[in-house]
PDB file of N, CA and C in Angstrom:
ATOM      1  N   MET A   1      -3.452 -14.505   9.552  1.00  0.00           N
ATOM      2  CA  MET A   1      -3.355 -13.091   9.213  1.00  0.00           C
ATOM      3  C   MET A   1      -2.031 -12.550   9.755  1.00  0.00           C
ATOM      4  N   ILE A   2      -1.367 -11.763   8.956  1.00  0.00           N
ATOM      5  CA  ILE A   2      -0.096 -11.172   9.344  1.00  0.00           C
ATOM      6  C   ILE A   2      -0.379  -9.973  10.247  1.00  0.00           C
ATOM      7  N   LYS A   3       0.230  -9.943  11.403  1.00  0.00           N
ATOM      8  CA  LYS A   3       0.023  -8.843  12.338  1.00  0.00           C
ATOM      9  C   LYS A   3       0.962  -7.681  12.076  1.00  0.00           C
ATOM     10  N   ARG A   4       2.165  -7.976  11.589  1.00  0.00           N
ATOM     11  CA  ARG A   4       3.147  -6.933  11.287  1.00  0.00           C
ATOM     12  C   ARG A   4       4.248  -7.555  10.462  1.00  0.00           C
ATOM     13  N   GLY A   5       4.814  -6.784   9.559  1.00  0.00           N
ATOM     14  CA  GLY A   5       5.936  -7.291   8.785  1.00  0.00           C
ATOM     15  C   GLY A   5       7.046  -7.779   9.698  1.00  0.00           C
ATOM     16  N   ASN A   6       7.737  -8.813   9.286  1.00  0.00           N
ATOM     17  CA  ASN A   6       8.783  -9.403  10.126  1.00  0.00           C
ATOM     18  C   ASN A   6      10.182  -9.045   9.630  1.00  0.00           C
ATOM     19  N   TYR A   7      10.318  -7.893   9.000  1.00  0.00           N
ATOM     20  CA  TYR A   7      11.607  -7.458   8.472  1.00  0.00           C
ATOM     21  C   TYR A   7      11.928  -6.069   9.004  1.00  0.00           C
ATOM     22  N   ASP A   8      13.198  -5.709   8.990  1.00  0.00           N
ATOM     23  CA  ASP A   8      13.628  -4.397   9.473  1.00  0.00           C
ATOM     24  C   ASP A   8      12.931  -3.292   8.698  1.00  0.00           C
ATOM     25  N   GLY A   9      12.405  -2.325   9.400  1.00  0.00           N
ATOM     26  CA  GLY A   9      11.744  -1.197   8.762  1.00  0.00           C
ATOM     27  C   GLY A   9      10.313  -1.477   8.353  1.00  0.00           C
ATOM     28  N   ALA A  10       9.725  -2.576   8.822  1.00  0.00           N
ATOM     29  CA  ALA A  10       8.347  -2.913   8.461  1.00  0.00           C
ATOM     30  C   ALA A  10       7.389  -1.824   8.933  1.00  0.00           C
ATOM     31  N   SER A  11       6.417  -1.546   8.115  1.00  0.00           N
ATOM     32  CA  SER A  11       5.426  -0.535   8.441  1.00  0.00           C
ATOM     33  C   SER A  11       4.535  -0.986   9.593  1.00  0.00           C
ATOM     34  N   ARG A  12       4.117  -0.041  10.413  1.00  0.00           N
ATOM     35  CA  ARG A  12       3.154  -0.343  11.477  1.00  0.00           C
ATOM     36  C   ARG A  12       1.749  -0.474  10.899  1.00  0.00           C
ATOM     37  N   PHE A  13       1.548  -0.008   9.669  1.00  0.00           N
ATOM     38  CA  PHE A  13       0.213   0.042   9.084  1.00  0.00           C
ATOM     39  C   PHE A  13       0.014  -0.971   7.957  1.00  0.00           C
ATOM     40  N   ALA A  14       1.083  -1.326   7.260  1.00  0.00           N
ATOM     41  CA  ALA A  14       0.995  -2.258   6.138  1.00  0.00           C
ATOM     42  C   ALA A  14       1.560  -3.599   6.578  1.00  0.00           C
ATOM     43  N   TYR A  15       0.703  -4.565   6.717  1.00  0.00           N
ATOM     44  CA  TYR A  15       1.082  -5.848   7.305  1.00  0.00           C
ATOM     45  C   TYR A  15       1.518  -6.856   6.250  1.00  0.00           C
ATOM     46  N   PHE A  16       2.665  -6.657   5.647  1.00  0.00           N
ATOM     47  CA  PHE A  16       3.195  -7.575   4.643  1.00  0.00           C
ATOM     48  C   PHE A  16       4.252  -8.459   5.283  1.00  0.00           C
ATOM     49  N   ASP A  17       4.435  -9.652   4.723  1.00  0.00           N
ATOM     50  CA  ASP A  17       5.439 -10.552   5.284  1.00  0.00           C
ATOM     51  C   ASP A  17       6.822 -10.322   4.681  1.00  0.00           C
ATOM     52  N   LYS A  18       6.909  -9.404   3.701  1.00  0.00           N
ATOM     53  CA  LYS A  18       8.206  -9.038   3.131  1.00  0.00           C
ATOM     54  C   LYS A  18       8.084  -7.649   2.503  1.00  0.00           C
ATOM     55  N   PRO A  19       9.208  -6.958   2.334  1.00  0.00           N
ATOM     56  CA  PRO A  19       9.154  -5.617   1.736  1.00  0.00           C
ATOM     57  C   PRO A  19       8.684  -5.685   0.281  1.00  0.00           C
ATOM     58  N   THR A  20       8.080  -4.620  -0.188  1.00  0.00           N
ATOM     59  CA  THR A  20       7.622  -4.594  -1.581  1.00  0.00           C
ATOM     60  C   THR A  20       8.785  -4.758  -2.559  1.00  0.00           C
ATOM     61  N   THR A  21       9.980  -4.373  -2.158  1.00  0.00           N
ATOM     62  CA  THR A  21      11.145  -4.519  -3.038  1.00  0.00           C
ATOM     63  C   THR A  21      11.516  -5.980  -3.253  1.00  0.00           C
ATOM     64  N   GLU A  22      11.004  -6.866  -2.400  1.00  0.00           N
ATOM     65  CA  GLU A  22      11.286  -8.289  -2.547  1.00  0.00           C
ATOM     66  C   GLU A  22      10.107  -9.062  -3.144  1.00  0.00           C
ATOM     67  N   MET A  23       9.002  -8.374  -3.403  1.00  0.00           N
ATOM     68  CA  MET A  23       7.839  -9.032  -4.007  1.00  0.00           C
ATOM     69  C   MET A  23       8.070  -9.201  -5.503  1.00  0.00           C
ATOM     70  N   ASN A  24       7.529 -10.277  -6.059  1.00  0.00           N
ATOM     71  CA  ASN A  24       7.609 -10.434  -7.503  1.00  0.00           C
ATOM     72  C   ASN A  24       6.497  -9.605  -8.151  1.00  0.00           C
ATOM     73  N   LEU A  25       6.485  -9.541  -9.475  1.00  0.00           N
ATOM     74  CA  LEU A  25       5.535  -8.689 -10.182  1.00  0.00           C
ATOM     75  C   LEU A  25       4.086  -9.093  -9.896  1.00  0.00           C
ATOM     76  N   VAL A  26       3.811 -10.368  -9.820  1.00  0.00           N
ATOM     77  CA  VAL A  26       2.447 -10.836  -9.543  1.00  0.00           C
ATOM     78  C   VAL A  26       2.007 -10.392  -8.153  1.00  0.00           C
ATOM     79  N   GLU A  27       2.875 -10.543  -7.153  1.00  0.00           N
ATOM     80  CA  GLU A  27       2.545 -10.117  -5.793  1.00  0.00           C
ATOM     81  C   GLU A  27       2.296  -8.613  -5.740  1.00  0.00           C
ATOM     82  N   CYS A  28       3.122  -7.832  -6.431  1.00  0.00           N
ATOM     83  CA  CYS A  28       2.945  -6.374  -6.451  1.00  0.00           C
ATOM     84  C   CYS A  28       1.624  -5.988  -7.102  1.00  0.00           C
ATOM     85  N   ARG A  29       1.283  -6.658  -8.198  1.00  0.00           N
ATOM     86  CA  ARG A  29       0.012  -6.372  -8.872  1.00  0.00           C
ATOM     87  C   ARG A  29      -1.173  -6.707  -7.985  1.00  0.00           C
ATOM     88  N   GLU A  30      -1.112  -7.850  -7.324  1.00  0.00           N
ATOM     89  CA  GLU A  30      -2.202  -8.245  -6.425  1.00  0.00           C
ATOM     90  C   GLU A  30      -2.334  -7.265  -5.265  1.00  0.00           C
ATOM     91  N   LEU A  31      -1.216  -6.838  -4.715  1.00  0.00           N
ATOM     92  CA  LEU A  31      -1.236  -5.860  -3.628  1.00  0.00           C
ATOM     93  C   LEU A  31      -1.884  -4.565  -4.084  1.00  0.00           C
ATOM     94  N   LEU A  32      -1.472  -4.067  -5.243  1.00  0.00           N
ATOM     95  CA  LEU A  32      -2.045  -2.829  -5.770  1.00  0.00           C
ATOM     96  C   LEU A  32      -3.535  -2.995  -6.046  1.00  0.00           C
ATOM     97  N   ASP A  33      -3.929  -4.132  -6.604  1.00  0.00           N
ATOM     98  CA  ASP A  33      -5.354  -4.380  -6.853  1.00  0.00           C
ATOM     99  C   ASP A  33      -6.161  -4.297  -5.562  1.00  0.00           C
ATOM    100  N   HIS A  34      -5.655  -4.888  -4.490  1.00  0.00           N
ATOM    101  CA  HIS A  34      -6.367  -4.853  -3.210  1.00  0.00           C
ATOM    102  C   HIS A  34      -6.432  -3.435  -2.651  1.00  0.00           C
ATOM    103  N   ILE A  35      -5.349  -2.693  -2.767  1.00  0.00           N
ATOM    104  CA  ILE A  35      -5.336  -1.306  -2.279  1.00  0.00           C
ATOM    105  C   ILE A  35      -6.343  -0.466  -3.056  1.00  0.00           C
ATOM    106  N   LEU A  36      -6.345  -0.607  -4.377  1.00  0.00           N
ATOM    107  CA  LEU A  36      -7.269   0.181  -5.194  1.00  0.00           C
ATOM    108  C   LEU A  36      -8.719  -0.223  -4.939  1.00  0.00           C
ATOM    109  N   GLN A  37      -8.957  -1.503  -4.695  1.00  0.00           N
ATOM    110  CA  GLN A  37     -10.308  -1.962  -4.361  1.00  0.00           C
ATOM    111  C   GLN A  37     -10.802  -1.275  -3.088  1.00  0.00           C
ATOM    112  N   ARG A  38      -9.923  -1.149  -2.105  1.00  0.00           N
ATOM    113  CA  ARG A  38     -10.299  -0.505  -0.832  1.00  0.00           C
ATOM    114  C   ARG A  38     -10.587   0.980  -1.014  1.00  0.00           C
ATOM    115  N   ALA A  39     -10.050   1.589  -2.067  1.00  0.00           N
ATOM    116  CA  ALA A  39     -10.232   3.025  -2.284  1.00  0.00           C
ATOM    117  C   ALA A  39     -11.494   3.336  -3.080  1.00  0.00           C
ATOM    118  N   MET A  40     -12.237   2.308  -3.477  1.00  0.00           N
ATOM    119  CA  MET A  40     -13.476   2.542  -4.222  1.00  0.00           C
ATOM    120  C   MET A  40     -14.484   3.244  -3.314  1.00  0.00           C
ATOM    121  N   PRO A  41     -15.337   4.084  -3.879  1.00  0.00           N
ATOM    122  CA  PRO A  41     -16.289   4.853  -3.060  1.00  0.00           C
ATOM    123  C   PRO A  41     -17.113   4.007  -2.095  1.00  0.00           C
ATOM    124  N   SER A  42     -17.523   2.828  -2.508  1.00  0.00           N
ATOM    125  CA  SER A  42     -18.357   2.007  -1.618  1.00  0.00           C
ATOM    126  C   SER A  42     -17.562   1.479  -0.424  1.00  0.00           C
ATOM    127  N   GLU A  43     -16.240   1.341  -0.586  1.00  0.00           N
ATOM    128  CA  GLU A  43     -15.389   0.843   0.492  1.00  0.00           C
ATOM    129  C   GLU A  43     -14.764   1.979   1.298  1.00  0.00           C
ATOM    130  N   ASP A  44     -14.772   3.178   0.735  1.00  0.00           N
ATOM    131  CA  ASP A  44     -14.076   4.322   1.329  1.00  0.00           C
ATOM    132  C   ASP A  44     -14.990   5.554   1.282  1.00  0.00           C
ATOM    133  N   PRO A  45     -16.144   5.501   1.972  1.00  0.00           N
ATOM    134  CA  PRO A  45     -17.143   6.567   1.830  1.00  0.00           C
ATOM    135  C   PRO A  45     -16.651   7.962   2.203  1.00  0.00           C
ATOM    136  N   ASP A  46     -15.707   8.075   3.122  1.00  0.00           N
ATOM    137  CA  ASP A  46     -15.227   9.411   3.494  1.00  0.00           C
ATOM    138  C   ASP A  46     -13.995   9.834   2.695  1.00  0.00           C
ATOM    139  N   GLY A  47     -13.501   8.964   1.813  1.00  0.00           N
ATOM    140  CA  GLY A  47     -12.407   9.314   0.914  1.00  0.00           C
ATOM    141  C   GLY A  47     -11.019   9.325   1.531  1.00  0.00           C
ATOM    142  N   ARG A  48     -10.862   8.811   2.742  1.00  0.00           N
ATOM    143  CA  ARG A  48      -9.551   8.847   3.402  1.00  0.00           C
ATOM    144  C   ARG A  48      -8.513   8.024   2.647  1.00  0.00           C
ATOM    145  N   MET A  49      -8.894   6.822   2.218  1.00  0.00           N
ATOM    146  CA  MET A  49      -7.961   5.969   1.489  1.00  0.00           C
ATOM    147  C   MET A  49      -7.572   6.624   0.168  1.00  0.00           C
ATOM    148  N   PHE A  50      -8.560   7.186  -0.528  1.00  0.00           N
ATOM    149  CA  PHE A  50      -8.285   7.828  -1.808  1.00  0.00           C
ATOM    150  C   PHE A  50      -7.315   8.990  -1.636  1.00  0.00           C
ATOM    151  N   ARG A  51      -7.507   9.797  -0.619  1.00  0.00           N
ATOM    152  CA  ARG A  51      -6.600  10.924  -0.377  1.00  0.00           C
ATOM    153  C   ARG A  51      -5.193  10.426  -0.049  1.00  0.00           C
ATOM    154  N   SER A  52      -5.104   9.355   0.718  1.00  0.00           N
ATOM    155  CA  SER A  52      -3.792   8.783   1.030  1.00  0.00           C
ATOM    156  C   SER A  52      -3.096   8.289  -0.233  1.00  0.00           C
ATOM    157  N   LEU A  53      -3.856   7.683  -1.132  1.00  0.00           N
ATOM    158  CA  LEU A  53      -3.274   7.219  -2.394  1.00  0.00           C
ATOM    159  C   LEU A  53      -2.810   8.393  -3.258  1.00  0.00           C
ATOM    160  N   GLU A  54      -3.551   9.493  -3.224  1.00  0.00           N
ATOM    161  CA  GLU A  54      -3.131  10.684  -3.960  1.00  0.00           C
ATOM    162  C   GLU A  54      -1.785  11.195  -3.446  1.00  0.00           C
ATOM    163  N   ILE A  55      -1.630  11.215  -2.124  1.00  0.00           N
ATOM    164  CA  ILE A  55      -0.370  11.657  -1.521  1.00  0.00           C
ATOM    165  C   ILE A  55       0.759  10.710  -1.915  1.00  0.00           C
ATOM    166  N   ALA A  56       0.497   9.402  -1.834  1.00  0.00           N
ATOM    167  CA  ALA A  56       1.509   8.408  -2.193  1.00  0.00           C
ATOM    168  C   ALA A  56       1.917   8.560  -3.656  1.00  0.00           C
ATOM    169  N   GLU A  57       0.946   8.765  -4.531  1.00  0.00           N
ATOM    170  CA  GLU A  57       1.248   8.948  -5.950  1.00  0.00           C
ATOM    171  C   GLU A  57       2.099  10.196  -6.159  1.00  0.00           C
ATOM    172  N   GLN A  58       1.753  11.282  -5.501  1.00  0.00           N
ATOM    173  CA  GLN A  58       2.526  12.519  -5.639  1.00  0.00           C
ATOM    174  C   GLN A  58       3.952  12.322  -5.131  1.00  0.00           C
ATOM    175  N   ASN A  59       4.109  11.613  -4.006  1.00  0.00           N
ATOM    176  CA  ASN A  59       5.451  11.339  -3.483  1.00  0.00           C
ATOM    177  C   ASN A  59       6.273  10.547  -4.486  1.00  0.00           C
ATOM    178  N   CYS A  60       5.645   9.570  -5.116  1.00  0.00           N
ATOM    179  CA  CYS A  60       6.368   8.783  -6.143  1.00  0.00           C
ATOM    180  C   CYS A  60       6.818   9.674  -7.286  1.00  0.00           C
ATOM    181  N   LYS A  61       5.935  10.527  -7.728  1.00  0.00           N
ATOM    182  CA  LYS A  61       6.258  11.430  -8.840  1.00  0.00           C
ATOM    183  C   LYS A  61       7.393  12.371  -8.475  1.00  0.00           C
ATOM    184  N   GLU A  62       7.471  12.731  -7.215  1.00  0.00           N
ATOM    185  CA  GLU A  62       8.517  13.643  -6.757  1.00  0.00           C
ATOM    186  C   GLU A  62       9.798  12.905  -6.368  1.00  0.00           C
ATOM    187  N   GLY A  63       9.764  11.575  -6.410  1.00  0.00           N
ATOM    188  CA  GLY A  63      10.966  10.798  -6.158  1.00  0.00           C
ATOM    189  C   GLY A  63      11.210  10.432  -4.717  1.00  0.00           C
ATOM    190  N   PHE A  64      10.218  10.581  -3.861  1.00  0.00           N
ATOM    191  CA  PHE A  64      10.371  10.203  -2.466  1.00  0.00           C
ATOM    192  C   PHE A  64      10.026   8.741  -2.282  1.00  0.00           C
ATOM    193  N   SER A  65      10.637   8.128  -1.286  1.00  0.00           N
ATOM    194  CA  SER A  65      10.285   6.770  -0.924  1.00  0.00           C
ATOM    195  C   SER A  65       9.020   6.793  -0.097  1.00  0.00           C
ATOM    196  N   ILE A  66       8.136   5.858  -0.355  1.00  0.00           N
ATOM    197  CA  ILE A  66       6.870   5.803   0.387  1.00  0.00           C
ATOM    198  C   ILE A  66       6.969   4.758   1.456  1.00  0.00           C
TER     199      ILE A  66
END
């Protein structure tokens, strides 16, 4: 299990072994699938993950880096 990204600027919360900008399309799709799976009501009963995804989506729409 990856404890923390091993690249400059790695997130303290997202434990990837490389930045998303270096992931190929398949890796990005798999990552998104896992994130969305975690946001399902049965996995996220208090809705915290879903709200975080809403914020991330809005930031993308506004052109901010997430």
